[in-house]
Amino acid sequence: MLIPYKKNHQKIAMGLLSFMPAEKDLVKLRQTMEMYEKNPDWKLYVWKESDIIGVIGVVIDNGSAYLQHICVNPSHRKEGIGKKMLEQLKTNLPCDLIPTKSTESFMAACQEEEN
């Protein structure tokens, strides 16, 4: 289930985001978390089953949502969780979802599976 990020999710969200290559540096990761926590145009969601096992984040700009981050706990990869997060996020957003350079290959792979 996709749920909006809350401050009490911070440690697990940071841990999941740290799997993304651009977020390996702790200073950069903290800056990213601060943007999600303080900027109303930055939206972060967590995927919860029995535990939180995924995270997905977008930036809303000019009527579009740009997929900034998507990551699933490595022990739960290849189970379709990333695709489920994308599908549920698309139904929750009032606008189009557009990949960024760091997320375009994942979104393309998900769309290929649909065809």
Protein backbone atom coordinates (compact mmCIF):
# COMPACT_ATOMS: atom_id res chain seq x y z
CA MET A 1 0.00 0.00 0.00
CA LEU A 2 1.32 3.43 -0.96
CA ILE A 3 1.15 5.93 1.88
CA PRO A 4 2.38 9.53 2.16
CA TYR A 5 5.71 9.98 3.91
CA LYS A 6 5.66 11.10 7.53
CA LYS A 7 8.57 12.25 9.68
CA ASN A 8 8.53 8.96 11.62
CA HIS A 9 9.39 7.17 8.32
CA GLN A 10 12.60 9.19 7.99
CA LYS A 11 15.19 6.52 8.85
CA ILE A 12 13.73 3.82 6.63
CA ALA A 13 13.10 6.30 3.79
CA MET A 14 16.70 7.53 3.98
CA GLY A 15 17.95 3.95 3.99
CA LEU A 16 15.92 3.11 0.90
CA LEU A 17 16.85 6.31 -0.94
CA SER A 18 20.53 5.61 -0.24
CA PHE A 19 20.33 2.71 -2.72
CA MET A 20 19.91 5.25 -5.54
CA PRO A 21 23.31 6.14 -7.04
CA ALA A 22 22.76 9.91 -6.78
CA GLU A 23 21.89 9.63 -3.08
CA LYS A 24 24.93 7.68 -1.84
CA ASP A 25 26.53 10.80 -0.32
CA LEU A 26 25.10 11.46 3.16
CA VAL A 27 25.12 15.25 2.73
CA LYS A 28 23.18 14.95 -0.56
CA LEU A 29 20.78 12.44 0.99
CA ARG A 30 20.04 14.79 3.90
CA GLN A 31 19.40 17.67 1.47
CA THR A 32 16.99 15.48 -0.49
CA MET A 33 15.11 14.48 2.66
CA GLU A 34 14.89 18.13 3.70
CA MET A 35 13.32 19.01 0.35
CA TYR A 36 10.72 16.25 0.74
CA GLU A 37 9.94 17.39 4.28
CA LYS A 38 9.80 21.16 3.67
CA ASN A 39 8.89 21.81 0.04
CA PRO A 40 5.18 21.26 -0.70
CA ASP A 41 5.98 20.48 -4.36
CA TRP A 42 8.18 17.53 -3.37
CA LYS A 43 6.06 14.48 -2.52
CA LEU A 44 7.48 11.31 -1.01
CA TYR A 45 5.55 8.08 -0.49
CA VAL A 46 6.46 4.79 1.13
CA TRP A 47 5.27 1.31 0.17
CA LYS A 48 4.13 -0.66 3.16
CA GLU A 49 3.26 -4.32 3.30
CA SER A 50 4.03 -5.80 6.73
CA ASP A 51 6.99 -3.37 6.80
CA ILE A 52 8.02 -0.41 4.68
CA ILE A 53 9.90 -1.91 1.74
CA GLY A 54 9.84 0.81 -0.92
CA VAL A 55 9.95 4.53 -1.49
CA ILE A 56 8.90 6.73 -4.41
CA GLY A 57 9.23 10.48 -4.78
CA VAL A 58 8.04 13.11 -7.24
CA VAL A 59 8.42 16.82 -7.78
CA ILE A 60 5.32 18.66 -9.01
CA ASP A 61 6.18 21.45 -11.46
CA ASN A 62 4.06 23.25 -14.07
CA GLY A 63 1.24 20.71 -13.96
CA SER A 64 3.46 17.64 -14.25
CA ALA A 65 4.95 15.24 -11.74
CA TYR A 66 8.58 14.30 -12.27
CA LEU A 67 9.59 10.92 -10.88
CA GLN A 68 12.75 11.69 -8.90
CA HIS A 69 13.24 8.55 -6.84
CA ILE A 70 12.03 4.98 -6.76
CA CYS A 71 13.64 2.23 -4.75
CA VAL A 72 12.66 -1.14 -3.30
CA ASN A 73 14.48 -2.97 -0.53
CA PRO A 74 16.94 -5.30 -2.31
CA SER A 75 15.50 -8.38 -0.59
CA HIS A 76 12.09 -7.59 -2.17
CA ARG A 77 13.21 -6.76 -5.71
CA LYS A 78 11.91 -8.63 -8.75
CA GLU A 79 8.50 -9.02 -7.06
CA GLY A 80 6.75 -6.25 -9.04
CA ILE A 81 6.66 -3.83 -6.10
CA GLY A 82 8.21 -0.94 -8.05
CA LYS A 83 5.61 -1.37 -10.77
CA LYS A 84 2.81 -1.46 -8.16
CA MET A 85 4.15 1.75 -6.61
CA LEU A 86 4.15 3.44 -10.03
CA GLU A 87 0.62 2.29 -10.84
CA GLN A 88 -0.78 3.44 -7.51
CA LEU A 89 1.10 6.75 -7.69
CA LYS A 90 -0.31 7.43 -11.17
CA THR A 91 -3.87 6.97 -9.86
CA ASN A 92 -3.17 9.34 -6.93
CA LEU A 93 -1.63 12.14 -8.99
CA PRO A 94 -3.77 14.83 -10.62
CA CYS A 95 -1.23 15.15 -13.46
CA ASP A 96 1.06 13.25 -15.82
CA LEU A 97 4.04 11.34 -14.43
CA ILE A 98 7.28 12.05 -16.28
CA PRO A 99 10.56 10.22 -15.65
CA THR A 100 13.82 12.00 -14.91
CA LYS A 101 17.19 10.86 -16.23
CA SER A 102 17.70 8.64 -13.16
CA THR A 103 14.25 7.01 -13.41
CA GLU A 104 13.59 6.81 -17.16
CA SER A 105 15.02 3.30 -17.63
CA PHE A 106 12.85 1.92 -14.83
CA MET A 107 9.68 3.53 -16.19
CA ALA A 108 10.50 2.32 -19.70
CA ALA A 109 10.96 -1.24 -18.43
CA CYS A 110 7.58 -1.08 -16.67
CA GLN A 111 5.87 0.15 -19.83
CA GLU A 112 7.49 -2.62 -21.89
CA GLU A 113 6.04 -5.21 -19.50
CA GLU A 114 2.57 -3.74 -20.07
CA ASN A 115 2.81 -4.15 -23.87
